[in-house]
Amino acid sequence: MSSHSLVASTHKGLPIAQMRNVFNADDVERKLHQLQAKGGEREHETLITMYQRMIERGPERFAVKPSGVPDMEPLYDLLPNFGDVLDDVKRHVALSQDSRDSLEVTPILLLGPPGVGKTHFARQIADLLGTSMSLVPMSSMTAGWLLSGSSSQWKGSKPGRVFESLVEGQYANPVIVVDEIDKAAADAQYDPLGALYSLLEHDTAQSFVDEFADVAIDASQVIWITTANRESAIPDPILNRMNVFEIAPPSPEAARKIAAHLYRGIRNEHDWGQRFEQEPRDDVLDLLATQAPREMRRALVTAFGNARLANRYEMEPGDLPKVGGGKSRMGFLQ
């Protein structure tokens, strides 16, 4: 799988894009002709359509990297409990500068309790690097097939998320988040983590074969971020392929910073937000700091609405929902 032509931007902060082939078009054409020669167009309609789409779109995708080591101070403020991981990402970005080398990031495992912001971190990294993000929840019953696809001989089969991200997406180096890897139920007949043994190794990932598509794709540039609550439930061969970072819940002061950042973000995202005070009150921040980061945004949206119902443009502590104060939940705020 090849790469060529630096198609970059000269503006500092914008990503440099290098084109890279994520599959071999000749292999796809050969597979397509084989299926058509069998005369089973109806039986293999989905597979034939997919091959035709691959040929139509072509194999080239953007492999992006920042055009310089970006200013990451806002991320250190937003994600104060992820300092060590951010340091690691910054090192990889620095190594890729001033060369035609692609950005390579050693697979990352974020280990910590629920709600500390692990998935939010992954989204921020994808934004920082200028690429896309795809989430693969390993707690799903079909977790194994989500990664590697299921055989085209099975009814309802389809490609896996890795194939979709690379072939249907725009980027050769998307961020793929394998969420709750420790909850992947081991099955005697099928190991849901089996695909990761080759995907997390650079050399074998260059020719990863999706079960459905049955053609090799280059997944060697994928930026892997996995999350887990317990290290003990992850097989050693998987652990040994990743840099492991323990993510502690943010300190009270760090939690206040996160809450203030989220307040400003929600306010700036909406036209109605401009009517509200630029910064939240200290007593509001004190209450928000007692919640997990994943709960803060929902609490803030509720509080903005409650303040507006009270004909105010300043949020008060009473506007925030009570933590654990009842079972009633509004679905649109989930």
Protein backbone atom coordinates (compact mmCIF):
# COMPACT_ATOMS: atom_id res chain seq x y z
CA MET A 1 0.00 0.00 0.00
CA SER A 2 1.69 3.17 -1.15
CA SER A 3 1.71 6.87 -0.34
CA HIS A 4 2.68 9.92 -2.34
CA SER A 5 2.34 13.64 -2.97
CA LEU A 6 2.43 15.98 -0.02
CA VAL A 7 -0.77 18.01 -0.49
CA ALA A 8 -0.19 20.26 2.42
CA SER A 9 -1.28 23.56 3.75
CA THR A 10 1.35 26.20 4.43
CA HIS A 11 -0.70 27.75 7.21
CA LYS A 12 0.52 26.92 10.70
CA GLY A 13 -1.91 24.77 12.61
CA LEU A 14 -3.66 23.28 9.60
CA PRO A 15 -3.02 19.59 8.89
CA ILE A 16 -0.66 18.34 6.21
CA ALA A 17 -2.35 15.72 4.04
CA GLN A 18 -0.41 12.98 2.29
CA MET A 19 -2.30 10.64 -0.02
CA ARG A 20 -2.07 6.95 0.82
CA ASN A 21 -3.55 3.84 -0.79
CA VAL A 22 -5.64 1.85 1.70
CA PHE A 23 -6.27 -1.07 -0.67
CA ASN A 24 -5.06 -2.48 -3.98
CA ALA A 25 -7.56 -1.63 -6.73
CA ASP A 26 -6.36 -4.57 -8.88
CA ASP A 27 -7.21 -7.02 -6.08
CA VAL A 28 -10.72 -5.58 -5.84
CA GLU A 29 -11.26 -5.77 -9.60
CA ARG A 30 -10.10 -9.39 -9.58
CA LYS A 31 -12.56 -10.26 -6.77
CA LEU A 32 -15.37 -8.49 -8.61
CA HIS A 33 -14.73 -10.33 -11.88
CA GLN A 34 -14.60 -13.67 -10.06
CA LEU A 35 -18.00 -13.08 -8.49
CA GLN A 36 -19.54 -11.88 -11.75
CA ALA A 37 -18.12 -14.89 -13.61
CA LYS A 38 -19.93 -17.21 -11.20
CA GLY A 39 -23.23 -15.68 -12.26
CA GLY A 40 -24.38 -15.19 -8.67
CA GLU A 41 -25.19 -11.48 -8.88
CA ARG A 42 -28.31 -11.81 -6.75
CA GLU A 43 -26.66 -14.02 -4.15
CA HIS A 44 -23.64 -11.72 -3.87
CA GLU A 45 -25.37 -8.43 -4.64
CA THR A 46 -24.13 -6.60 -1.53
CA LEU A 47 -20.54 -7.74 -2.04
CA ILE A 48 -20.56 -6.86 -5.75
CA THR A 49 -22.01 -3.42 -5.00
CA MET A 50 -19.31 -2.84 -2.38
CA TYR A 51 -16.50 -3.81 -4.77
CA GLN A 52 -17.93 -1.53 -7.45
CA ARG A 53 -18.08 1.34 -4.98
CA MET A 54 -14.47 0.73 -3.92
CA ILE A 55 -13.31 0.89 -7.55
CA GLU A 56 -15.39 4.01 -8.17
CA ARG A 57 -14.00 5.85 -5.14
CA GLY A 58 -10.45 4.64 -5.67
CA PRO A 59 -7.94 3.54 -3.03
CA GLU A 60 -6.44 6.91 -2.04
CA ARG A 61 -7.23 8.47 1.33
CA PHE A 62 -5.77 11.38 3.29
CA ALA A 63 -3.09 10.58 5.86
CA VAL A 64 -3.02 13.76 7.94
CA LYS A 65 -0.75 15.22 10.58
CA PRO A 66 -0.41 18.68 12.14
CA SER A 67 1.87 21.03 10.18
CA GLY A 68 3.75 21.78 13.38
CA VAL A 69 3.65 20.74 17.02
CA PRO A 70 0.31 22.32 17.92
CA ASP A 71 -0.42 24.46 20.95
CA MET A 72 -1.89 21.86 23.28
CA GLU A 73 -2.20 24.02 26.38
CA PRO A 74 -6.01 24.31 25.96
CA LEU A 75 -6.20 20.49 25.98
CA TYR A 76 -4.08 20.28 29.14
CA ASP A 77 -6.56 22.70 30.75
CA LEU A 78 -9.60 20.84 29.43
CA LEU A 79 -8.23 17.38 30.27
CA PRO A 80 -6.05 17.95 33.34
CA ASN A 81 -6.12 14.26 34.33
CA PHE A 82 -4.79 13.21 30.89
CA GLY A 83 -1.46 15.03 31.10
CA ASP A 84 0.72 11.91 30.62
CA VAL A 85 -1.26 10.78 27.56
CA LEU A 86 -1.14 14.24 26.01
CA ASP A 87 2.64 14.24 26.55
CA ASP A 88 2.84 10.95 24.66
CA VAL A 89 0.74 12.25 21.74
CA LYS A 90 2.88 15.41 21.58
CA ARG A 91 6.06 13.30 21.34
CA HIS A 92 4.64 11.33 18.38
CA VAL A 93 3.54 14.53 16.62
CA ALA A 94 7.02 16.05 17.13
CA LEU A 95 8.70 12.98 15.59
CA SER A 96 6.58 13.27 12.44
CA GLN A 97 7.57 16.88 11.77
CA ASP A 98 10.04 18.10 9.13
CA SER A 99 9.81 14.83 7.19
CA ARG A 100 7.56 12.94 4.83
CA ASP A 101 6.96 10.31 7.52
CA SER A 102 3.37 9.65 8.45
CA LEU A 103 2.20 10.26 11.98
CA GLU A 104 2.49 7.01 13.93
CA VAL A 105 1.04 6.76 17.44
CA THR A 106 1.64 3.72 19.62
CA PRO A 107 -1.78 2.24 20.52
CA ILE A 108 -3.10 3.78 23.72
CA LEU A 109 -5.00 2.13 26.59
CA LEU A 110 -6.85 4.51 28.90
CA LEU A 111 -7.44 2.71 32.17
CA GLY A 112 -9.81 4.20 34.70
CA PRO A 113 -13.29 4.29 36.24
CA PRO A 114 -16.38 5.17 34.18
CA GLY A 115 -17.10 8.82 33.58
CA VAL A 116 -13.58 10.27 33.78
CA GLY A 117 -13.72 11.48 30.16
CA LYS A 118 -11.91 8.72 28.24
CA THR A 119 -14.12 8.89 25.13
CA HIS A 120 -14.17 12.69 25.26
CA PHE A 121 -10.36 12.61 25.23
CA ALA A 122 -10.40 10.51 22.05
CA ARG A 123 -12.65 13.02 20.29
CA GLN A 124 -10.36 15.86 21.26
CA ILE A 125 -7.32 14.00 19.88
CA ALA A 126 -9.09 13.34 16.57
CA ASP A 127 -9.88 17.07 16.33
CA LEU A 128 -6.29 17.98 17.21
CA LEU A 129 -4.86 15.73 14.48
CA GLY A 130 -7.45 16.76 11.89
CA THR A 131 -8.83 13.30 11.31
CA SER A 132 -12.08 11.40 11.97
CA MET A 133 -13.12 9.24 14.92
CA SER A 134 -15.04 5.97 15.04
CA LEU A 135 -16.30 4.28 18.22
CA VAL A 136 -16.41 0.48 18.58
CA PRO A 137 -18.24 -0.55 21.79
CA MET A 138 -16.82 -3.90 22.87
CA SER A 139 -19.63 -4.46 25.38
CA SER A 140 -21.90 -5.16 22.39
CA MET A 141 -22.95 -8.74 21.73
CA THR A 142 -21.54 -8.42 18.19
CA ALA A 143 -18.29 -6.81 19.32
CA GLY A 144 -15.99 -9.20 17.47
CA TRP A 145 -17.74 -8.70 14.17
CA LEU A 146 -17.83 -4.94 14.70
CA LEU A 147 -14.06 -4.87 14.28
CA SER A 148 -13.41 -7.49 11.62
CA GLY A 149 -16.72 -7.95 9.79
CA SER A 150 -18.65 -11.20 9.33
CA SER A 151 -18.40 -13.72 6.51
CA SER A 152 -20.35 -12.80 3.38
CA GLN A 153 -21.80 -16.33 3.45
CA TRP A 154 -23.89 -15.45 6.49
CA LYS A 155 -27.25 -13.76 6.26
CA GLY A 156 -27.13 -10.08 7.19
CA SER A 157 -23.32 -10.02 7.12
CA LYS A 158 -21.43 -6.78 6.52
CA PRO A 159 -17.95 -5.28 6.78
CA GLY A 160 -16.44 -4.35 10.13
CA ARG A 161 -15.81 -0.89 11.50
CA VAL A 162 -12.12 -0.85 10.56
CA PHE A 163 -12.94 -1.52 6.90
CA GLU A 164 -15.77 1.03 6.92
CA SER A 165 -13.60 3.73 8.50
CA LEU A 166 -10.87 3.32 5.89
CA VAL A 167 -12.83 2.50 2.74
CA GLU A 168 -15.98 4.57 3.31
CA GLY A 169 -14.19 7.38 5.12
CA GLN A 170 -11.80 10.09 3.95
CA TYR A 171 -8.75 9.24 6.03
CA ALA A 172 -6.04 6.59 6.02
CA ASN A 173 -5.32 7.38 9.69
CA PRO A 174 -8.63 7.75 11.54
CA VAL A 175 -8.83 7.52 15.30
CA ILE A 176 -10.63 4.29 16.19
CA VAL A 177 -11.76 3.98 19.80
CA VAL A 178 -12.25 0.45 21.11
CA ASP A 179 -14.46 1.24 24.07
CA GLU A 180 -14.64 -0.93 27.21
CA ILE A 181 -12.21 -3.52 25.87
CA ASP A 182 -12.34 -5.30 29.20
CA LYS A 183 -16.04 -6.09 28.70
CA ALA A 184 -15.49 -8.13 25.53
CA ALA A 185 -16.97 -11.48 26.50
CA ALA A 186 -14.58 -14.28 25.57
CA ASP A 187 -16.34 -17.00 23.61
CA ALA A 188 -15.03 -20.53 23.09
CA GLN A 189 -15.80 -20.37 19.36
CA TYR A 190 -14.87 -16.78 18.63
CA ASP A 191 -12.47 -14.38 20.33
CA PRO A 192 -13.94 -10.87 20.03
CA LEU A 193 -10.46 -9.40 20.52
CA GLY A 194 -8.88 -11.70 17.92
CA ALA A 195 -8.68 -9.04 15.20
CA LEU A 196 -6.72 -6.71 17.50
CA TYR A 197 -3.72 -9.06 17.62
CA SER A 198 -2.90 -8.15 14.02
CA LEU A 199 -4.45 -4.66 13.94
CA LEU A 200 -2.28 -3.37 16.80
CA GLU A 201 0.94 -4.54 15.09
CA HIS A 202 2.15 -2.15 12.40
CA ASP A 203 3.53 -4.83 10.06
CA THR A 204 0.50 -7.15 10.09
CA ALA A 205 -1.97 -4.26 10.03
CA GLN A 206 -0.68 -3.31 6.57
CA SER A 207 -2.58 -6.24 5.09
CA PHE A 208 -5.60 -6.67 7.36
CA VAL A 209 -8.33 -8.78 5.76
CA ASP A 210 -11.94 -8.01 6.69
CA GLU A 211 -14.05 -11.19 6.93
CA PHE A 212 -16.80 -9.77 4.71
CA ALA A 213 -14.77 -7.93 2.06
CA ASP A 214 -12.05 -10.58 1.78
CA VAL A 215 -9.49 -8.10 0.39
CA ALA A 216 -6.44 -6.76 2.17
CA ILE A 217 -6.60 -3.20 3.48
CA ASP A 218 -3.86 -1.07 4.99
CA ALA A 219 -4.82 -0.33 8.59
CA SER A 220 -1.26 0.42 9.67
CA GLN A 221 -1.90 4.16 10.01
CA VAL A 222 -4.97 3.85 12.26
CA ILE A 223 -4.60 5.67 15.59
CA TRP A 224 -5.88 3.23 18.21
CA ILE A 225 -7.30 4.38 21.54
CA THR A 226 -8.77 1.70 23.78
CA THR A 227 -10.56 2.20 27.09
CA ALA A 228 -11.07 -0.10 30.04
CA ASN A 229 -12.08 -0.09 33.68
CA ARG A 230 -10.01 -3.17 34.67
CA GLU A 231 -6.59 -4.15 33.35
CA SER A 232 -6.89 -7.73 34.66
CA ALA A 233 -9.60 -8.59 32.12
CA ILE A 234 -7.38 -7.79 29.11
CA PRO A 235 -5.12 -10.54 27.67
CA ASP A 236 -1.39 -9.89 28.09
CA PRO A 237 -0.64 -10.08 24.32
CA ILE A 238 -3.07 -7.17 23.81
CA LEU A 239 -1.68 -5.19 26.75
CA ASN A 240 1.87 -5.65 25.48
CA ARG A 241 0.96 -3.93 22.22
CA MET A 242 -0.21 -0.70 23.90
CA ASN A 243 1.03 2.16 26.06
CA VAL A 244 -1.07 1.95 29.23
CA PHE A 245 -2.13 5.11 31.06
CA GLU A 246 -4.06 5.10 34.32
CA ILE A 247 -6.58 7.94 34.31
CA ALA A 248 -7.60 9.12 37.76
CA PRO A 249 -10.76 11.14 38.36
CA PRO A 250 -9.95 14.87 38.18
CA SER A 251 -9.14 16.70 41.40
CA PRO A 252 -11.78 19.16 42.69
CA GLU A 253 -9.85 22.09 41.20
CA ALA A 254 -9.39 20.28 37.89
CA ALA A 255 -13.09 19.36 37.86
CA ARG A 256 -13.96 23.06 38.29
CA LYS A 257 -11.80 23.89 35.24
CA ILE A 258 -13.53 21.21 33.18
CA ALA A 259 -16.96 22.47 34.24
CA ALA A 260 -16.05 26.08 33.41
CA HIS A 261 -14.74 25.02 29.99
CA LEU A 262 -17.93 23.08 29.24
CA TYR A 263 -20.04 26.07 30.34
CA ARG A 264 -18.18 28.36 27.94
CA GLY A 265 -18.36 25.78 25.17
CA ILE A 266 -22.14 25.33 25.41
CA ARG A 267 -22.65 29.09 25.69
CA ASN A 268 -20.54 29.75 22.57
CA GLU A 269 -22.18 26.98 20.53
CA HIS A 270 -25.65 28.58 20.69
CA ASP A 271 -27.04 31.95 19.76
CA TRP A 272 -29.09 31.98 22.97
CA GLY A 273 -25.87 31.46 24.91
CA GLN A 274 -24.69 34.98 24.14
CA ARG A 275 -27.34 36.33 26.51
CA PHE A 276 -25.91 34.42 29.46
CA GLU A 277 -23.06 35.54 31.69
CA GLN A 278 -19.65 34.79 30.19
CA GLU A 279 -18.49 32.78 33.22
CA PRO A 280 -20.43 30.60 35.66
CA ARG A 281 -20.71 31.50 39.34
CA ASP A 282 -18.33 29.92 41.84
CA ASP A 283 -21.15 28.18 43.71
CA VAL A 284 -22.35 26.62 40.42
CA LEU A 285 -18.84 25.36 39.73
CA ASP A 286 -18.63 23.91 43.25
CA LEU A 287 -21.69 21.76 42.56
CA LEU A 288 -20.63 20.74 39.07
CA ALA A 289 -17.20 19.68 40.35
CA THR A 290 -18.85 16.89 42.36
CA GLN A 291 -20.03 15.20 39.15
CA ALA A 292 -18.18 13.01 36.67
CA PRO A 293 -17.14 14.89 33.51
CA ARG A 294 -19.59 12.88 31.38
CA GLU A 295 -22.48 14.13 33.53
CA MET A 296 -21.47 17.79 33.57
CA ARG A 297 -22.65 18.65 30.06
CA ARG A 298 -26.13 17.23 30.63
CA ALA A 299 -26.38 19.04 33.94
CA LEU A 300 -25.35 22.32 32.33
CA VAL A 301 -27.86 22.04 29.48
CA THR A 302 -30.61 21.42 32.05
CA ALA A 303 -29.44 24.37 34.14
CA PHE A 304 -29.35 26.74 31.16
CA GLY A 305 -32.95 25.76 30.40
CA ASN A 306 -34.09 26.16 34.00
CA ALA A 307 -32.48 29.60 34.23
CA ARG A 308 -34.24 30.70 31.06
CA LEU A 309 -37.60 29.42 32.36
CA ALA A 310 -37.01 31.62 35.39
CA ASN A 311 -36.39 34.59 33.06
CA ARG A 312 -32.75 34.78 34.09
CA TYR A 313 -29.51 34.83 32.10
CA GLU A 314 -27.38 33.89 35.06
CA MET A 315 -27.18 30.27 36.18
CA GLU A 316 -27.83 29.59 39.87
CA PRO A 317 -27.07 26.43 41.88
CA GLY A 318 -30.77 25.58 42.06
CA ASP A 319 -30.92 25.38 38.27
CA LEU A 320 -28.72 22.29 38.27
CA PRO A 321 -30.45 18.89 38.47
CA LYS A 322 -30.10 17.12 41.79
CA VAL A 323 -27.57 14.30 41.70
CA GLY A 324 -29.43 11.06 42.34
CA GLY A 325 -32.53 13.00 43.17
CA GLY A 326 -35.06 10.75 41.50
CA LYS A 327 -35.49 8.21 38.70
CA SER A 328 -37.20 10.48 36.21
CA ARG A 329 -34.99 11.18 33.21
CA MET A 330 -35.64 13.29 30.13
CA GLY A 331 -34.60 11.19 27.15
CA PHE A 332 -33.39 14.04 24.98
CA LEU A 333 -30.77 14.95 27.57
CA GLN A 334 -29.22 11.49 27.75
